[in-house]
Amino acid sequence: MITFKDFLEIDDELSEDLRNWFKSDWVNIAKKNPDGSHPPCGTSGDKRGYAKCVPKAVANRMTDKEKESAVRRKREAQNKAERGGKDSAGQGKKPISVSTYTKRSGKKSGTGKGS
């Protein structure tokens, strides 16, 4: 049985993870700036392709092939859900989420202890 004290400790850990998640510097790995860095996550009004956003620290650890794979799988999932293009019925709907890494890679997505 979990005690109230144990619950508070778990709650603090979860709150800290969420706080870190919000404070992380998120970047769009689907695009690159001329200097080779990734632009911040979010739209600039030009909606060409789908953004695949990850924390900057994760993007720095990923290889170019891993980034290409993640972006390809994200765009494929969006198109499969018929949310492709500017004039599609999917505009303004919740984005489709895909794992940053493939199951075969052995790496896990996420920042929490349980991921």
PDB file of N, CA and C in Angstrom:
ATOM      1  N   MET A   1       0.843  -1.183   0.000  1.00  0.00           N
ATOM      2  CA  MET A   1       0.000   0.000   0.000  1.00  0.00           C
ATOM      3  C   MET A   1       0.887   1.245   0.000  1.00  0.00           C
ATOM      4  N   ILE A   2       0.515   2.220  -0.793  1.00  0.00           N
ATOM      5  CA  ILE A   2       1.297   3.448  -0.890  1.00  0.00           C
ATOM      6  C   ILE A   2       0.821   4.435   0.169  1.00  0.00           C
ATOM      7  N   THR A   3       1.774   5.021   0.871  1.00  0.00           N
ATOM      8  CA  THR A   3       1.440   6.000   1.902  1.00  0.00           C
ATOM      9  C   THR A   3       1.363   7.381   1.281  1.00  0.00           C
ATOM     10  N   PHE A   4       0.793   8.295   2.033  1.00  0.00           N
ATOM     11  CA  PHE A   4       0.667   9.664   1.547  1.00  0.00           C
ATOM     12  C   PHE A   4       2.047  10.282   1.333  1.00  0.00           C
ATOM     13  N   LYS A   5       2.985   9.971   2.218  1.00  0.00           N
ATOM     14  CA  LYS A   5       4.350  10.489   2.085  1.00  0.00           C
ATOM     15  C   LYS A   5       4.997   9.986   0.790  1.00  0.00           C
ATOM     16  N   ASP A   6       4.799   8.690   0.485  1.00  0.00           N
ATOM     17  CA  ASP A   6       5.323   8.130  -0.765  1.00  0.00           C
ATOM     18  C   ASP A   6       4.696   8.824  -1.965  1.00  0.00           C
ATOM     19  N   PHE A   7       3.396   9.085  -1.871  1.00  0.00           N
ATOM     20  CA  PHE A   7       2.690   9.756  -2.961  1.00  0.00           C
ATOM     21  C   PHE A   7       3.274  11.142  -3.208  1.00  0.00           C
ATOM     22  N   LEU A   8       3.547  11.884  -2.134  1.00  0.00           N
ATOM     23  CA  LEU A   8       4.113  13.227  -2.295  1.00  0.00           C
ATOM     24  C   LEU A   8       5.482  13.182  -2.958  1.00  0.00           C
ATOM     25  N   GLU A   9       6.296  12.184  -2.617  1.00  0.00           N
ATOM     26  CA  GLU A   9       7.614  12.056  -3.244  1.00  0.00           C
ATOM     27  C   GLU A   9       7.474  11.748  -4.732  1.00  0.00           C
ATOM     28  N   ILE A  10       6.539  10.866  -5.075  1.00  0.00           N
ATOM     29  CA  ILE A  10       6.300  10.532  -6.483  1.00  0.00           C
ATOM     30  C   ILE A  10       5.795  11.756  -7.223  1.00  0.00           C
ATOM     31  N   ASP A  11       4.874  12.500  -6.583  1.00  0.00           N
ATOM     32  CA  ASP A  11       4.298  13.691  -7.198  1.00  0.00           C
ATOM     33  C   ASP A  11       5.381  14.730  -7.471  1.00  0.00           C
ATOM     34  N   ASP A  12       6.345  14.895  -6.534  1.00  0.00           N
ATOM     35  CA  ASP A  12       7.442  15.842  -6.745  1.00  0.00           C
ATOM     36  C   ASP A  12       8.283  15.438  -7.946  1.00  0.00           C
ATOM     37  N   GLU A  13       8.575  14.148  -8.089  1.00  0.00           N
ATOM     38  CA  GLU A  13       9.359  13.665  -9.217  1.00  0.00           C
ATOM     39  C   GLU A  13       8.629  13.933 -10.530  1.00  0.00           C
ATOM     40  N   LEU A  14       7.326  13.671 -10.561  1.00  0.00           N
ATOM     41  CA  LEU A  14       6.555  13.897 -11.785  1.00  0.00           C
ATOM     42  C   LEU A  14       6.495  15.373 -12.118  1.00  0.00           C
ATOM     43  N   SER A  15       6.291  16.222 -11.110  1.00  0.00           N
ATOM     44  CA  SER A  15       6.230  17.666 -11.344  1.00  0.00           C
ATOM     45  C   SER A  15       7.560  18.180 -11.868  1.00  0.00           C
ATOM     46  N   GLU A  16       8.649  17.666 -11.330  1.00  0.00           N
ATOM     47  CA  GLU A  16       9.973  18.088 -11.780  1.00  0.00           C
ATOM     48  C   GLU A  16      10.208  17.686 -13.235  1.00  0.00           C
ATOM     49  N   ASP A  17       9.798  16.476 -13.609  1.00  0.00           N
ATOM     50  CA  ASP A  17       9.945  16.035 -14.999  1.00  0.00           C
ATOM     51  C   ASP A  17       9.137  16.930 -15.934  1.00  0.00           C
ATOM     52  N   LEU A  18       7.928  17.270 -15.544  1.00  0.00           N
ATOM     53  CA  LEU A  18       7.082  18.127 -16.373  1.00  0.00           C
ATOM     54  C   LEU A  18       7.687  19.526 -16.474  1.00  0.00           C
ATOM     55  N   ARG A  19       8.223  20.022 -15.374  1.00  0.00           N
ATOM     56  CA  ARG A  19       8.859  21.339 -15.369  1.00  0.00           C
ATOM     57  C   ARG A  19      10.041  21.344 -16.338  1.00  0.00           C
ATOM     58  N   ASN A  20      10.850  20.288 -16.280  1.00  0.00           N
ATOM     59  CA  ASN A  20      12.000  20.182 -17.190  1.00  0.00           C
ATOM     60  C   ASN A  20      11.542  20.100 -18.634  1.00  0.00           C
ATOM     61  N   TRP A  21      10.452  19.386 -18.878  1.00  0.00           N
ATOM     62  CA  TRP A  21       9.921  19.233 -20.231  1.00  0.00           C
ATOM     63  C   TRP A  21       9.536  20.592 -20.801  1.00  0.00           C
ATOM     64  N   PHE A  22       8.876  21.418 -20.000  1.00  0.00           N
ATOM     65  CA  PHE A  22       8.467  22.741 -20.479  1.00  0.00           C
ATOM     66  C   PHE A  22       9.651  23.674 -20.654  1.00  0.00           C
ATOM     67  N   LYS A  23      10.663  23.546 -19.822  1.00  0.00           N
ATOM     68  CA  LYS A  23      11.828  24.429 -19.903  1.00  0.00           C
ATOM     69  C   LYS A  23      12.795  24.029 -21.005  1.00  0.00           C
ATOM     70  N   SER A  24      12.650  22.815 -21.538  1.00  0.00           N
ATOM     71  CA  SER A  24      13.557  22.352 -22.586  1.00  0.00           C
ATOM     72  C   SER A  24      13.449  23.243 -23.818  1.00  0.00           C
ATOM     73  N   ASP A  25      14.560  23.389 -24.505  1.00  0.00           N
ATOM     74  CA  ASP A  25      14.618  24.154 -25.743  1.00  0.00           C
ATOM     75  C   ASP A  25      14.255  23.196 -26.876  1.00  0.00           C
ATOM     76  N   TRP A  26      13.038  23.310 -27.426  1.00  0.00           N
ATOM     77  CA  TRP A  26      12.542  22.389 -28.449  1.00  0.00           C
ATOM     78  C   TRP A  26      12.896  22.909 -29.835  1.00  0.00           C
ATOM     79  N   VAL A  27      13.368  22.001 -30.701  1.00  0.00           N
ATOM     80  CA  VAL A  27      13.757  22.370 -32.061  1.00  0.00           C
ATOM     81  C   VAL A  27      13.056  21.456 -33.069  1.00  0.00           C
ATOM     82  N   ASN A  28      12.930  21.956 -34.292  1.00  0.00           N
ATOM     83  CA  ASN A  28      12.301  21.217 -35.390  1.00  0.00           C
ATOM     84  C   ASN A  28      13.398  20.516 -36.188  1.00  0.00           C
ATOM     85  N   ILE A  29      13.466  19.184 -36.069  1.00  0.00           N
ATOM     86  CA  ILE A  29      14.537  18.448 -36.764  1.00  0.00           C
ATOM     87  C   ILE A  29      14.216  18.222 -38.244  1.00  0.00           C
ATOM     88  N   ALA A  30      13.045  18.653 -38.693  1.00  0.00           N
ATOM     89  CA  ALA A  30      12.682  18.508 -40.099  1.00  0.00           C
ATOM     90  C   ALA A  30      13.314  19.611 -40.960  1.00  0.00           C
ATOM     91  N   LYS A  31      13.824  20.645 -40.326  1.00  0.00           N
ATOM     92  CA  LYS A  31      14.428  21.765 -41.055  1.00  0.00           C
ATOM     93  C   LYS A  31      15.792  22.079 -40.473  1.00  0.00           C
ATOM     94  N   LYS A  32      16.605  22.778 -41.264  1.00  0.00           N
ATOM     95  CA  LYS A  32      17.913  23.247 -40.806  1.00  0.00           C
ATOM     96  C   LYS A  32      18.097  24.694 -41.217  1.00  0.00           C
ATOM     97  N   ASN A  33      18.736  25.461 -40.350  1.00  0.00           N
ATOM     98  CA  ASN A  33      19.124  26.827 -40.673  1.00  0.00           C
ATOM     99  C   ASN A  33      20.364  26.776 -41.561  1.00  0.00           C
ATOM    100  N   PRO A  34      20.693  27.887 -42.232  1.00  0.00           N
ATOM    101  CA  PRO A  34      21.900  27.903 -43.070  1.00  0.00           C
ATOM    102  C   PRO A  34      23.179  27.556 -42.304  1.00  0.00           C
ATOM    103  N   ASP A  35      23.207  27.828 -40.997  1.00  0.00           N
ATOM    104  CA  ASP A  35      24.404  27.524 -40.214  1.00  0.00           C
ATOM    105  C   ASP A  35      24.442  26.070 -39.743  1.00  0.00           C
ATOM    106  N   GLY A  36      23.432  25.270 -40.104  1.00  0.00           N
ATOM    107  CA  GLY A  36      23.410  23.855 -39.758  1.00  0.00           C
ATOM    108  C   GLY A  36      22.634  23.525 -38.498  1.00  0.00           C
ATOM    109  N   SER A  37      22.234  24.554 -37.739  1.00  0.00           N
ATOM    110  CA  SER A  37      21.442  24.308 -36.532  1.00  0.00           C
ATOM    111  C   SER A  37      19.973  24.121 -36.917  1.00  0.00           C
ATOM    112  N   HIS A  38      19.185  23.653 -35.982  1.00  0.00           N
ATOM    113  CA  HIS A  38      17.758  23.466 -36.230  1.00  0.00           C
ATOM    114  C   HIS A  38      16.989  24.675 -35.705  1.00  0.00           C
ATOM    115  N   PRO A  39      15.941  25.116 -36.432  1.00  0.00           N
ATOM    116  CA  PRO A  39      15.141  26.253 -35.964  1.00  0.00           C
ATOM    117  C   PRO A  39      14.280  25.843 -34.769  1.00  0.00           C
ATOM    118  N   PRO A  40      13.824  26.818 -34.002  1.00  0.00           N
ATOM    119  CA  PRO A  40      12.943  26.492 -32.878  1.00  0.00           C
ATOM    120  C   PRO A  40      11.642  25.867 -33.364  1.00  0.00           C
ATOM    121  N   CYS A  41      11.031  25.096 -32.507  1.00  0.00           N
ATOM    122  CA  CYS A  41       9.786  24.424 -32.865  1.00  0.00           C
ATOM    123  C   CYS A  41       8.660  25.445 -32.959  1.00  0.00           C
ATOM    124  N   GLY A  42       7.746  25.210 -33.864  1.00  0.00           N
ATOM    125  CA  GLY A  42       6.625  26.110 -34.090  1.00  0.00           C
ATOM    126  C   GLY A  42       6.576  26.486 -35.553  1.00  0.00           C
ATOM    127  N   THR A  43       5.482  27.064 -35.955  1.00  0.00           N
ATOM    128  CA  THR A  43       5.347  27.422 -37.368  1.00  0.00           C
ATOM    129  C   THR A  43       5.734  28.873 -37.574  1.00  0.00           C
ATOM    130  N   SER A  44       6.272  29.134 -38.741  1.00  0.00           N
ATOM    131  CA  SER A  44       6.626  30.498 -39.103  1.00  0.00           C
ATOM    132  C   SER A  44       5.601  31.045 -40.089  1.00  0.00           C
ATOM    133  N   GLY A  45       4.466  30.360 -40.209  1.00  0.00           N
ATOM    134  CA  GLY A  45       3.448  30.760 -41.171  1.00  0.00           C
ATOM    135  C   GLY A  45       3.556  29.951 -42.447  1.00  0.00           C
ATOM    136  N   ASP A  46       4.761  29.529 -42.806  1.00  0.00           N
ATOM    137  CA  ASP A  46       4.979  28.721 -43.997  1.00  0.00           C
ATOM    138  C   ASP A  46       4.874  27.252 -43.600  1.00  0.00           C
ATOM    139  N   LYS A  47       3.773  26.613 -43.965  1.00  0.00           N
ATOM    140  CA  LYS A  47       3.523  25.245 -43.515  1.00  0.00           C
ATOM    141  C   LYS A  47       3.922  24.235 -44.581  1.00  0.00           C
ATOM    142  N   ARG A  48       5.177  24.207 -44.929  1.00  0.00           N
ATOM    143  CA  ARG A  48       5.682  23.218 -45.882  1.00  0.00           C
ATOM    144  C   ARG A  48       6.262  22.064 -45.096  1.00  0.00           C
ATOM    145  N   GLY A  49       5.644  20.934 -45.171  1.00  0.00           N
ATOM    146  CA  GLY A  49       6.097  19.776 -44.408  1.00  0.00           C
ATOM    147  C   GLY A  49       5.624  19.865 -42.973  1.00  0.00           C
ATOM    148  N   TYR A  50       5.735  18.767 -42.274  1.00  0.00           N
ATOM    149  CA  TYR A  50       5.303  18.715 -40.887  1.00  0.00           C
ATOM    150  C   TYR A  50       6.501  18.834 -39.973  1.00  0.00           C
ATOM    151  N   ALA A  51       6.335  19.579 -38.900  1.00  0.00           N
ATOM    152  CA  ALA A  51       7.413  19.739 -37.930  1.00  0.00           C
ATOM    153  C   ALA A  51       7.544  18.475 -37.086  1.00  0.00           C
ATOM    154  N   LYS A  52       8.759  18.041 -36.861  1.00  0.00           N
ATOM    155  CA  LYS A  52       9.047  16.961 -35.920  1.00  0.00           C
ATOM    156  C   LYS A  52       9.901  17.606 -34.841  1.00  0.00           C
ATOM    157  N   CYS A  53       9.287  17.878 -33.710  1.00  0.00           N
ATOM    158  CA  CYS A  53       9.953  18.623 -32.654  1.00  0.00           C
ATOM    159  C   CYS A  53      10.471  17.702 -31.558  1.00  0.00           C
ATOM    160  N   VAL A  54      11.697  17.958 -31.151  1.00  0.00           N
ATOM    161  CA  VAL A  54      12.338  17.217 -30.066  1.00  0.00           C
ATOM    162  C   VAL A  54      13.149  18.212 -29.240  1.00  0.00           C
ATOM    163  N   PRO A  55      13.466  17.874 -27.988  1.00  0.00           N
ATOM    164  CA  PRO A  55      14.348  18.753 -27.209  1.00  0.00           C
ATOM    165  C   PRO A  55      15.715  18.875 -27.892  1.00  0.00           C
ATOM    166  N   LYS A  56      16.320  20.023 -27.760  1.00  0.00           N
ATOM    167  CA  LYS A  56      17.607  20.283 -28.409  1.00  0.00           C
ATOM    168  C   LYS A  56      18.665  19.250 -28.010  1.00  0.00           C
ATOM    169  N   ALA A  57      18.648  18.838 -26.744  1.00  0.00           N
ATOM    170  CA  ALA A  57      19.629  17.851 -26.274  1.00  0.00           C
ATOM    171  C   ALA A  57      19.454  16.519 -27.005  1.00  0.00           C
ATOM    172  N   VAL A  58      18.199  16.131 -27.270  1.00  0.00           N
ATOM    173  CA  VAL A  58      17.933  14.887 -27.995  1.00  0.00           C
ATOM    174  C   VAL A  58      18.382  15.030 -29.446  1.00  0.00           C
ATOM    175  N   ALA A  59      18.092  16.175 -30.060  1.00  0.00           N
ATOM    176  CA  ALA A  59      18.483  16.419 -31.454  1.00  0.00           C
ATOM    177  C   ALA A  59      20.002  16.347 -31.616  1.00  0.00           C
ATOM    178  N   ASN A  60      20.729  16.843 -30.629  1.00  0.00           N
ATOM    179  CA  ASN A  60      22.198  16.820 -30.697  1.00  0.00           C
ATOM    180  C   ASN A  60      22.742  15.404 -30.637  1.00  0.00           C
ATOM    181  N   ARG A  61      22.030  14.482 -29.965  1.00  0.00           N
ATOM    182  CA  ARG A  61      22.494  13.096 -29.848  1.00  0.00           C
ATOM    183  C   ARG A  61      22.098  12.248 -31.052  1.00  0.00           C
ATOM    184  N   MET A  62      21.135  12.700 -31.843  1.00  0.00           N
ATOM    185  CA  MET A  62      20.641  11.908 -32.969  1.00  0.00           C
ATOM    186  C   MET A  62      21.561  12.029 -34.178  1.00  0.00           C
ATOM    187  N   THR A  63      21.687  10.930 -34.920  1.00  0.00           N
ATOM    188  CA  THR A  63      22.436  10.971 -36.174  1.00  0.00           C
ATOM    189  C   THR A  63      21.534  11.554 -37.254  1.00  0.00           C
ATOM    190  N   ASP A  64      22.123  11.914 -38.392  1.00  0.00           N
ATOM    191  CA  ASP A  64      21.323  12.441 -39.501  1.00  0.00           C
ATOM    192  C   ASP A  64      20.318  11.401 -39.988  1.00  0.00           C
ATOM    193  N   LYS A  65      20.716  10.140 -40.017  1.00  0.00           N
ATOM    194  CA  LYS A  65      19.807   9.082 -40.459  1.00  0.00           C
ATOM    195  C   LYS A  65      18.628   8.936 -39.507  1.00  0.00           C
ATOM    196  N   GLU A  66      18.878   9.033 -38.199  1.00  0.00           N
ATOM    197  CA  GLU A  66      17.794   8.934 -37.220  1.00  0.00           C
ATOM    198  C   GLU A  66      16.818  10.094 -37.374  1.00  0.00           C
ATOM    199  N   LYS A  67      17.341  11.283 -37.633  1.00  0.00           N
ATOM    200  CA  LYS A  67      16.483  12.458 -37.834  1.00  0.00           C
ATOM    201  C   LYS A  67      15.628  12.281 -39.090  1.00  0.00           C
ATOM    202  N   GLU A  68      16.251  11.849 -40.176  1.00  0.00           N
ATOM    203  CA  GLU A  68      15.517  11.640 -41.426  1.00  0.00           C
ATOM    204  C   GLU A  68      14.425  10.591 -41.239  1.00  0.00           C
ATOM    205  N   SER A  69      14.729   9.519 -40.529  1.00  0.00           N
ATOM    206  CA  SER A  69      13.761   8.460 -40.286  1.00  0.00           C
ATOM    207  C   SER A  69      12.579   8.980 -39.473  1.00  0.00           C
ATOM    208  N   ALA A  70      12.853   9.745 -38.424  1.00  0.00           N
ATOM    209  CA  ALA A  70      11.781  10.273 -37.576  1.00  0.00           C
ATOM    210  C   ALA A  70      10.870  11.212 -38.362  1.00  0.00           C
ATOM    211  N   VAL A  71      11.467  12.070 -39.174  1.00  0.00           N
ATOM    212  CA  VAL A  71      10.686  13.012 -39.978  1.00  0.00           C
ATOM    213  C   VAL A  71       9.862  12.261 -41.027  1.00  0.00           C
ATOM    214  N   ARG A  72      10.477  11.270 -41.664  1.00  0.00           N
ATOM    215  CA  ARG A  72       9.780  10.484 -42.680  1.00  0.00           C
ATOM    216  C   ARG A  72       8.566   9.769 -42.077  1.00  0.00           C
ATOM    217  N   ARG A  73       8.747   9.153 -40.891  1.00  0.00           N
ATOM    218  CA  ARG A  73       7.649   8.443 -40.243  1.00  0.00           C
ATOM    219  C   ARG A  73       6.552   9.399 -39.797  1.00  0.00           C
ATOM    220  N   LYS A  74       6.908  10.595 -39.340  1.00  0.00           N
ATOM    221  CA  LYS A  74       5.928  11.604 -38.931  1.00  0.00           C
ATOM    222  C   LYS A  74       5.089  12.047 -40.132  1.00  0.00           C
ATOM    223  N   ARG A  75       5.757  12.345 -41.241  1.00  0.00           N
ATOM    224  CA  ARG A  75       5.033  12.810 -42.435  1.00  0.00           C
ATOM    225  C   ARG A  75       4.168  11.699 -43.012  1.00  0.00           C
ATOM    226  N   GLU A  76       4.666  10.470 -42.975  1.00  0.00           N
ATOM    227  CA  GLU A  76       3.883   9.338 -43.463  1.00  0.00           C
ATOM    228  C   GLU A  76       2.622   9.150 -42.620  1.00  0.00           C
ATOM    229  N   ALA A  77       2.746   9.281 -41.304  1.00  0.00           N
ATOM    230  CA  ALA A  77       1.593   9.136 -40.408  1.00  0.00           C
ATOM    231  C   ALA A  77       0.580  10.256 -40.632  1.00  0.00           C
ATOM    232  N   GLN A  78       1.063  11.476 -40.843  1.00  0.00           N
ATOM    233  CA  GLN A  78       0.156  12.597 -41.104  1.00  0.00           C
ATOM    234  C   GLN A  78      -0.587  12.382 -42.417  1.00  0.00           C
ATOM    235  N   ASN A  79       0.115  11.952 -43.451  1.00  0.00           N
ATOM    236  CA  ASN A  79      -0.528  11.722 -44.745  1.00  0.00           C
ATOM    237  C   ASN A  79      -1.504  10.555 -44.690  1.00  0.00           C
ATOM    238  N   LYS A  80      -1.155   9.513 -43.927  1.00  0.00           N
ATOM    239  CA  LYS A  80      -2.036   8.360 -43.785  1.00  0.00           C
ATOM    240  C   LYS A  80      -3.347   8.761 -43.106  1.00  0.00           C
ATOM    241  N   ALA A  81      -3.279   9.735 -42.201  1.00  0.00           N
ATOM    242  CA  ALA A  81      -4.471  10.232 -41.512  1.00  0.00           C
ATOM    243  C   ALA A  81      -5.201  11.280 -42.352  1.00  0.00           C
ATOM    244  N   GLU A  82      -4.789  11.429 -43.622  1.00  0.00           N
ATOM    245  CA  GLU A  82      -5.369  12.381 -44.576  1.00  0.00           C
ATOM    246  C   GLU A  82      -5.300  13.812 -44.061  1.00  0.00           C
ATOM    247  N   ARG A  83      -4.125  14.161 -43.575  1.00  0.00           N
ATOM    248  CA  ARG A  83      -3.896  15.527 -43.105  1.00  0.00           C
ATOM    249  C   ARG A  83      -2.757  16.167 -43.871  1.00  0.00           C
ATOM    250  N   GLY A  84      -2.647  15.870 -45.146  1.00  0.00           N
ATOM    251  CA  GLY A  84      -1.559  16.406 -45.956  1.00  0.00           C
ATOM    252  C   GLY A  84      -1.954  17.676 -46.668  1.00  0.00           C
ATOM    253  N   GLY A  85      -1.023  18.602 -46.785  1.00  0.00           N
ATOM    254  CA  GLY A  85      -1.235  19.825 -47.549  1.00  0.00           C
ATOM    255  C   GLY A  85      -1.897  20.935 -46.754  1.00  0.00           C
ATOM    256  N   LYS A  86      -1.795  22.157 -47.292  1.00  0.00           N
ATOM    257  CA  LYS A  86      -2.337  23.329 -46.610  1.00  0.00           C
ATOM    258  C   LYS A  86      -3.853  23.338 -46.561  1.00  0.00           C
ATOM    259  N   ASP A  87      -4.493  22.845 -47.604  1.00  0.00           N
ATOM    260  CA  ASP A  87      -5.947  22.948 -47.705  1.00  0.00           C
ATOM    261  C   ASP A  87      -6.671  21.690 -47.255  1.00  0.00           C
ATOM    262  N   SER A  88      -5.981  20.777 -46.579  1.00  0.00           N
ATOM    263  CA  SER A  88      -6.621  19.526 -46.166  1.00  0.00           C
ATOM    264  C   SER A  88      -7.536  19.770 -44.978  1.00  0.00           C
ATOM    265  N   ALA A  89      -8.407  18.808 -44.745  1.00  0.00           N
ATOM    266  CA  ALA A  89      -9.348  18.909 -43.640  1.00  0.00           C
ATOM    267  C   ALA A  89      -8.663  18.757 -42.292  1.00  0.00           C
ATOM    268  N   GLY A  90      -7.400  18.359 -42.288  1.00  0.00           N
ATOM    269  CA  GLY A  90      -6.678  18.120 -41.043  1.00  0.00           C
ATOM    270  C   GLY A  90      -6.079  19.363 -40.417  1.00  0.00           C
ATOM    271  N   GLN A  91      -6.128  20.495 -41.101  1.00  0.00           N
ATOM    272  CA  GLN A  91      -5.539  21.709 -40.556  1.00  0.00           C
ATOM    273  C   GLN A  91      -6.273  22.128 -39.292  1.00  0.00           C
ATOM    274  N   GLY A  92      -5.526  22.424 -38.248  1.00  0.00           N
ATOM    275  CA  GLY A  92      -6.104  22.848 -36.985  1.00  0.00           C
ATOM    276  C   GLY A  92      -6.446  21.700 -36.059  1.00  0.00           C
ATOM    277  N   LYS A  93      -6.220  20.467 -36.494  1.00  0.00           N
ATOM    278  CA  LYS A  93      -6.491  19.319 -35.639  1.00  0.00           C
ATOM    279  C   LYS A  93      -5.245  18.935 -34.857  1.00  0.00           C
ATOM    280  N   LYS A  94      -5.429  18.066 -33.880  1.00  0.00           N
ATOM    281  CA  LYS A  94      -4.315  17.591 -33.070  1.00  0.00           C
ATOM    282  C   LYS A  94      -3.288  16.897 -33.964  1.00  0.00           C
ATOM    283  N   PRO A  95      -2.001  17.213 -33.813  1.00  0.00           N
ATOM    284  CA  PRO A  95      -0.997  16.553 -34.647  1.00  0.00           C
ATOM    285  C   PRO A  95      -0.859  15.079 -34.307  1.00  0.00           C
ATOM    286  N   ILE A  96      -0.404  14.319 -35.276  1.00  0.00           N
ATOM    287  CA  ILE A  96      -0.149  12.897 -35.087  1.00  0.00           C
ATOM    288  C   ILE A  96       1.224  12.750 -34.434  1.00  0.00           C
ATOM    289  N   SER A  97       1.319  11.942 -33.395  1.00  0.00           N
ATOM    290  CA  SER A  97       2.599  11.721 -32.716  1.00  0.00           C
ATOM    291  C   SER A  97       3.203  10.400 -33.166  1.00  0.00           C
ATOM    292  N   VAL A  98       4.503  10.419 -33.393  1.00  0.00           N
ATOM    293  CA  VAL A  98       5.245   9.191 -33.691  1.00  0.00           C
ATOM    294  C   VAL A  98       6.460   9.158 -32.790  1.00  0.00           C
ATOM    295  N   SER A  99       6.988   7.978 -32.539  1.00  0.00           N
ATOM    296  CA  SER A  99       8.167   7.827 -31.715  1.00  0.00           C
ATOM    297  C   SER A  99       9.365   8.467 -32.403  1.00  0.00           C
ATOM    298  N   THR A 100      10.238   9.060 -31.607  1.00  0.00           N
ATOM    299  CA  THR A 100      11.442   9.664 -32.168  1.00  0.00           C
ATOM    300  C   THR A 100      12.377   8.596 -32.719  1.00  0.00           C
ATOM    301  N   TYR A 101      12.424   7.455 -32.046  1.00  0.00           N
ATOM    302  CA  TYR A 101      13.291   6.363 -32.474  1.00  0.00           C
ATOM    303  C   TYR A 101      12.450   5.169 -32.906  1.00  0.00           C
ATOM    304  N   THR A 102      12.997   4.352 -33.796  1.00  0.00           N
ATOM    305  CA  THR A 102      12.302   3.135 -34.202  1.00  0.00           C
ATOM    306  C   THR A 102      12.459   2.082 -33.114  1.00  0.00           C
ATOM    307  N   LYS A 103      11.589   1.095 -33.111  1.00  0.00           N
ATOM    308  CA  LYS A 103      11.670   0.025 -32.114  1.00  0.00           C
ATOM    309  C   LYS A 103      12.946  -0.795 -32.303  1.00  0.00           C
ATOM    310  N   ARG A 104      13.398  -0.921 -33.545  1.00  0.00           N
ATOM    311  CA  ARG A 104      14.604  -1.706 -33.826  1.00  0.00           C
ATOM    312  C   ARG A 104      15.869  -1.055 -33.295  1.00  0.00           C
ATOM    313  N   SER A 105      15.870   0.265 -33.141  1.00  0.00           N
ATOM    314  CA  SER A 105      17.094   0.957 -32.725  1.00  0.00           C
ATOM    315  C   SER A 105      17.489   0.619 -31.293  1.00  0.00           C
ATOM    316  N   GLY A 106      16.518   0.200 -30.485  1.00  0.00           N
ATOM    317  CA  GLY A 106      16.812  -0.126 -29.093  1.00  0.00           C
ATOM    318  C   GLY A 106      16.837   1.098 -28.198  1.00  0.00           C
ATOM    319  N   LYS A 107      16.718   2.294 -28.785  1.00  0.00           N
ATOM    320  CA  LYS A 107      16.694   3.524 -27.990  1.00  0.00           C
ATOM    321  C   LYS A 107      15.250   3.815 -27.611  1.00  0.00           C
ATOM    322  N   LYS A 108      15.077   4.525 -26.530  1.00  0.00           N
ATOM    323  CA  LYS A 108      13.727   4.848 -26.061  1.00  0.00           C
ATOM    324  C   LYS A 108      13.485   6.330 -26.208  1.00  0.00           C
ATOM    325  N   SER A 109      12.259   6.698 -26.605  1.00  0.00           N
ATOM    326  CA  SER A 109      11.863   8.085 -26.665  1.00  0.00           C
ATOM    327  C   SER A 109      11.394   8.515 -25.288  1.00  0.00           C
ATOM    328  N   GLY A 110      11.383   9.781 -25.053  1.00  0.00           N
ATOM    329  CA  GLY A 110      10.857  10.293 -23.804  1.00  0.00           C
ATOM    330  C   GLY A 110      11.948  10.740 -22.861  1.00  0.00           C
ATOM    331  N   THR A 111      11.526  11.457 -21.834  1.00  0.00           N
ATOM    332  CA  THR A 111      12.491  12.009 -20.882  1.00  0.00           C
ATOM    333  C   THR A 111      12.261  11.482 -19.475  1.00  0.00           C
ATOM    334  N   GLY A 112      11.148  10.821 -19.235  1.00  0.00           N
ATOM    335  CA  GLY A 112      10.833  10.366 -17.881  1.00  0.00           C
ATOM    336  C   GLY A 112      11.549   9.072 -17.520  1.00  0.00           C
ATOM    337  N   LYS A 113      11.433   8.702 -16.256  1.00  0.00           N
ATOM    338  CA  LYS A 113      12.093   7.498 -15.770  1.00  0.00           C
ATOM    339  C   LYS A 113      11.464   6.236 -16.320  1.00  0.00           C
ATOM    340  N   GLY A 114      10.165   6.299 -16.620  1.00  0.00           N
ATOM    341  CA  GLY A 114       9.464   5.114 -17.098  1.00  0.00           C
ATOM    342  C   GLY A 114       9.571   4.889 -18.587  1.00  0.00           C
ATOM    343  N   SER A 115      10.199   5.814 -19.310  1.00  0.00           N
ATOM    344  CA  SER A 115      10.257   5.671 -20.763  1.00  0.00           C
ATOM    345  C   SER A 115      11.493   4.947 -21.217  1.00  0.00           C
TER     346      SER A 115
END
